[in-house]
Amino acid sequence: MKGKLAFVLGAGVGYVLGTRAGRAQFEKIKGWASDAWHDPRVQSTVDDLESKAAGFAKDQGTVLKDKAVGAVKSAVGKGSGDDAGTGATGADFAAGTSAPPASPGSPADRP
């Protein structure tokens, strides 16, 4: 279907650009396209597709959110070992219960 639509669209553009009638023929084709677009049958189809697309996006958004939450929980569960020898785990950082390790140039490293 996409191929046919692309072909018809390309043929129409080629015809308009190649015809001697030029602007007048373009306006006629533009009028036909506008009439077709505003046809109630076309608009009802567009409305149906929009509602289906919105429902699909909403459903998939929920599924995607659930997968992301599961991936984060899995990653936090795997990171239960020490974090760079500080004794703090990824879960500690996520919960805000442990300070991040001091940087090498911080006052904590000075004698």
C-alpha atoms as a PDB file:
ATOM      1  CA  MET A   1       0.000   0.000   0.000  1.00  0.00           C
ATOM      2  CA  LYS A   2       2.828   2.419   0.852  1.00  0.00           C
ATOM      3  CA  GLY A   3       4.512   1.646  -2.463  1.00  0.00           C
ATOM      4  CA  LYS A   4       1.368   2.407  -4.438  1.00  0.00           C
ATOM      5  CA  LEU A   5       0.789   5.637  -2.557  1.00  0.00           C
ATOM      6  CA  ALA A   6       4.392   6.725  -3.087  1.00  0.00           C
ATOM      7  CA  PHE A   7       4.136   5.903  -6.796  1.00  0.00           C
ATOM      8  CA  VAL A   8       0.905   7.875  -7.255  1.00  0.00           C
ATOM      9  CA  LEU A   9       2.317  10.801  -5.292  1.00  0.00           C
ATOM     10  CA  GLY A  10       5.537  10.751  -7.310  1.00  0.00           C
ATOM     11  CA  ALA A  11       3.641  10.486 -10.589  1.00  0.00           C
ATOM     12  CA  GLY A  12       1.465  13.449  -9.586  1.00  0.00           C
ATOM     13  CA  VAL A  13       4.449  15.594  -8.651  1.00  0.00           C
ATOM     14  CA  GLY A  14       6.234  14.622 -11.866  1.00  0.00           C
ATOM     15  CA  TYR A  15       3.169  15.455 -13.920  1.00  0.00           C
ATOM     16  CA  VAL A  16       2.750  18.844 -12.291  1.00  0.00           C
ATOM     17  CA  LEU A  17       6.407  19.723 -12.689  1.00  0.00           C
ATOM     18  CA  GLY A  18       6.543  18.468 -16.274  1.00  0.00           C
ATOM     19  CA  THR A  19       3.319  19.901 -17.624  1.00  0.00           C
ATOM     20  CA  ARG A  20       3.073  23.135 -19.551  1.00  0.00           C
ATOM     21  CA  ALA A  21      -0.088  24.056 -17.690  1.00  0.00           C
ATOM     22  CA  GLY A  22       2.035  24.535 -14.566  1.00  0.00           C
ATOM     23  CA  ARG A  23       0.329  26.461 -11.823  1.00  0.00           C
ATOM     24  CA  ALA A  24      -3.250  26.018 -13.043  1.00  0.00           C
ATOM     25  CA  GLN A  25      -2.905  22.235 -13.177  1.00  0.00           C
ATOM     26  CA  PHE A  26      -1.216  22.252  -9.773  1.00  0.00           C
ATOM     27  CA  GLU A  27      -4.139  24.168  -8.281  1.00  0.00           C
ATOM     28  CA  LYS A  28      -6.600  21.701  -9.820  1.00  0.00           C
ATOM     29  CA  ILE A  29      -4.740  18.714  -8.361  1.00  0.00           C
ATOM     30  CA  LYS A  30      -4.439  20.501  -5.027  1.00  0.00           C
ATOM     31  CA  GLY A  31      -8.224  21.011  -5.029  1.00  0.00           C
ATOM     32  CA  TRP A  32      -8.824  17.315  -5.733  1.00  0.00           C
ATOM     33  CA  ALA A  33      -6.489  16.345  -2.915  1.00  0.00           C
ATOM     34  CA  SER A  34      -8.209  18.754  -0.530  1.00  0.00           C
ATOM     35  CA  ASP A  35     -11.625  17.402  -1.484  1.00  0.00           C
ATOM     36  CA  ALA A  36     -10.424  13.841  -0.930  1.00  0.00           C
ATOM     37  CA  TRP A  37      -8.893  14.710   2.445  1.00  0.00           C
ATOM     38  CA  HIS A  38     -12.050  16.416   3.691  1.00  0.00           C
ATOM     39  CA  ASP A  39     -14.298  13.557   2.544  1.00  0.00           C
ATOM     40  CA  PRO A  40     -16.186  12.223   5.591  1.00  0.00           C
ATOM     41  CA  ARG A  41     -15.169   8.627   4.773  1.00  0.00           C
ATOM     42  CA  VAL A  42     -11.489   9.571   4.788  1.00  0.00           C
ATOM     43  CA  GLN A  43     -11.835  11.547   8.006  1.00  0.00           C
ATOM     44  CA  SER A  44     -13.644   8.692   9.773  1.00  0.00           C
ATOM     45  CA  THR A  45     -10.811   6.356   8.762  1.00  0.00           C
ATOM     46  CA  VAL A  46      -8.229   8.855  10.003  1.00  0.00           C
ATOM     47  CA  ASP A  47     -10.078   9.246  13.306  1.00  0.00           C
ATOM     48  CA  ASP A  48     -10.259   5.460  13.741  1.00  0.00           C
ATOM     49  CA  LEU A  49      -6.538   5.115  13.068  1.00  0.00           C
ATOM     50  CA  GLU A  50      -5.693   7.947  15.460  1.00  0.00           C
ATOM     51  CA  SER A  51      -7.691   6.365  18.279  1.00  0.00           C
ATOM     52  CA  LYS A  52      -6.123   2.953  17.624  1.00  0.00           C
ATOM     53  CA  ALA A  53      -2.646   4.504  17.575  1.00  0.00           C
ATOM     54  CA  ALA A  54      -3.289   6.367  20.826  1.00  0.00           C
ATOM     55  CA  GLY A  55      -4.503   3.195  22.541  1.00  0.00           C
ATOM     56  CA  PHE A  56      -1.527   1.217  21.237  1.00  0.00           C
ATOM     57  CA  ALA A  57       0.916   3.888  22.433  1.00  0.00           C
ATOM     58  CA  LYS A  58      -0.710   3.980  25.862  1.00  0.00           C
ATOM     59  CA  ASP A  59      -0.568   0.187  26.208  1.00  0.00           C
ATOM     60  CA  GLN A  60       3.020  -0.024  24.995  1.00  0.00           C
ATOM     61  CA  GLY A  61       4.040   2.871  27.245  1.00  0.00           C
ATOM     62  CA  THR A  62       2.836   0.921  30.260  1.00  0.00           C
ATOM     63  CA  VAL A  63       4.671  -2.212  29.104  1.00  0.00           C
ATOM     64  CA  LEU A  64       7.847  -0.203  28.469  1.00  0.00           C
ATOM     65  CA  LYS A  65       7.652   1.416  31.912  1.00  0.00           C
ATOM     66  CA  ASP A  66       7.262  -2.007  33.544  1.00  0.00           C
ATOM     67  CA  LYS A  67      10.278  -3.348  31.634  1.00  0.00           C
ATOM     68  CA  ALA A  68      12.376  -0.334  32.648  1.00  0.00           C
ATOM     69  CA  VAL A  69      11.450  -0.741  36.311  1.00  0.00           C
ATOM     70  CA  GLY A  70      12.310  -4.437  36.128  1.00  0.00           C
ATOM     71  CA  ALA A  71      15.668  -3.689  34.496  1.00  0.00           C
ATOM     72  CA  VAL A  72      16.545  -1.133  37.173  1.00  0.00           C
ATOM     73  CA  LYS A  73      15.574  -3.514  39.970  1.00  0.00           C
ATOM     74  CA  SER A  74      17.644  -6.244  38.344  1.00  0.00           C
ATOM     75  CA  ALA A  75      20.652  -3.931  37.968  1.00  0.00           C
ATOM     76  CA  VAL A  76      20.409  -2.774  41.581  1.00  0.00           C
ATOM     77  CA  GLY A  77      20.133  -6.387  42.728  1.00  0.00           C
ATOM     78  CA  LYS A  78      23.279  -7.349  40.795  1.00  0.00           C
ATOM     79  CA  GLY A  79      25.205  -4.393  42.219  1.00  0.00           C
ATOM     80  CA  SER A  80      25.057  -5.690  45.791  1.00  0.00           C
ATOM     81  CA  GLY A  81      28.869  -5.907  46.094  1.00  0.00           C
ATOM     82  CA  ASP A  82      31.169  -3.130  47.308  1.00  0.00           C
ATOM     83  CA  ASP A  83      31.286  -0.066  45.110  1.00  0.00           C
ATOM     84  CA  ALA A  84      34.974   0.716  44.349  1.00  0.00           C
ATOM     85  CA  GLY A  85      36.036  -0.506  47.788  1.00  0.00           C
ATOM     86  CA  THR A  86      34.037   2.094  49.696  1.00  0.00           C
ATOM     87  CA  GLY A  87      31.754  -0.390  51.407  1.00  0.00           C
ATOM     88  CA  ALA A  88      28.744   1.309  49.819  1.00  0.00           C
ATOM     89  CA  THR A  89      26.472  -0.600  47.475  1.00  0.00           C
ATOM     90  CA  GLY A  90      24.440   0.639  44.545  1.00  0.00           C
ATOM     91  CA  ALA A  91      21.340   0.211  46.689  1.00  0.00           C
ATOM     92  CA  ASP A  92      22.883   2.507  49.327  1.00  0.00           C
ATOM     93  CA  PHE A  93      23.421   5.254  46.760  1.00  0.00           C
ATOM     94  CA  ALA A  94      19.921   4.800  45.345  1.00  0.00           C
ATOM     95  CA  ALA A  95      18.415   5.046  48.821  1.00  0.00           C
ATOM     96  CA  GLY A  96      20.612   7.981  49.771  1.00  0.00           C
ATOM     97  CA  THR A  97      22.026   6.154  52.818  1.00  0.00           C
ATOM     98  CA  SER A  98      25.689   6.380  51.896  1.00  0.00           C
ATOM     99  CA  ALA A  99      27.891   9.189  50.688  1.00  0.00           C
ATOM    100  CA  PRO A 100      29.649   8.714  47.369  1.00  0.00           C
ATOM    101  CA  PRO A 101      33.400   7.986  47.509  1.00  0.00           C
ATOM    102  CA  ALA A 102      35.658  10.998  47.973  1.00  0.00           C
ATOM    103  CA  SER A 103      37.482  12.240  44.900  1.00  0.00           C
ATOM    104  CA  PRO A 104      41.307  11.943  44.865  1.00  0.00           C
ATOM    105  CA  GLY A 105      41.859  15.679  45.371  1.00  0.00           C
ATOM    106  CA  SER A 106      39.405  16.074  48.239  1.00  0.00           C
ATOM    107  CA  PRO A 107      40.339  17.170  51.758  1.00  0.00           C
ATOM    108  CA  ALA A 108      39.576  13.644  53.018  1.00  0.00           C
ATOM    109  CA  ASP A 109      42.673  12.340  51.166  1.00  0.00           C
ATOM    110  CA  ARG A 110      45.056  14.940  52.593  1.00  0.00           C
ATOM    111  CA  PRO A 111      47.230  14.088  55.667  1.00  0.00           C
END
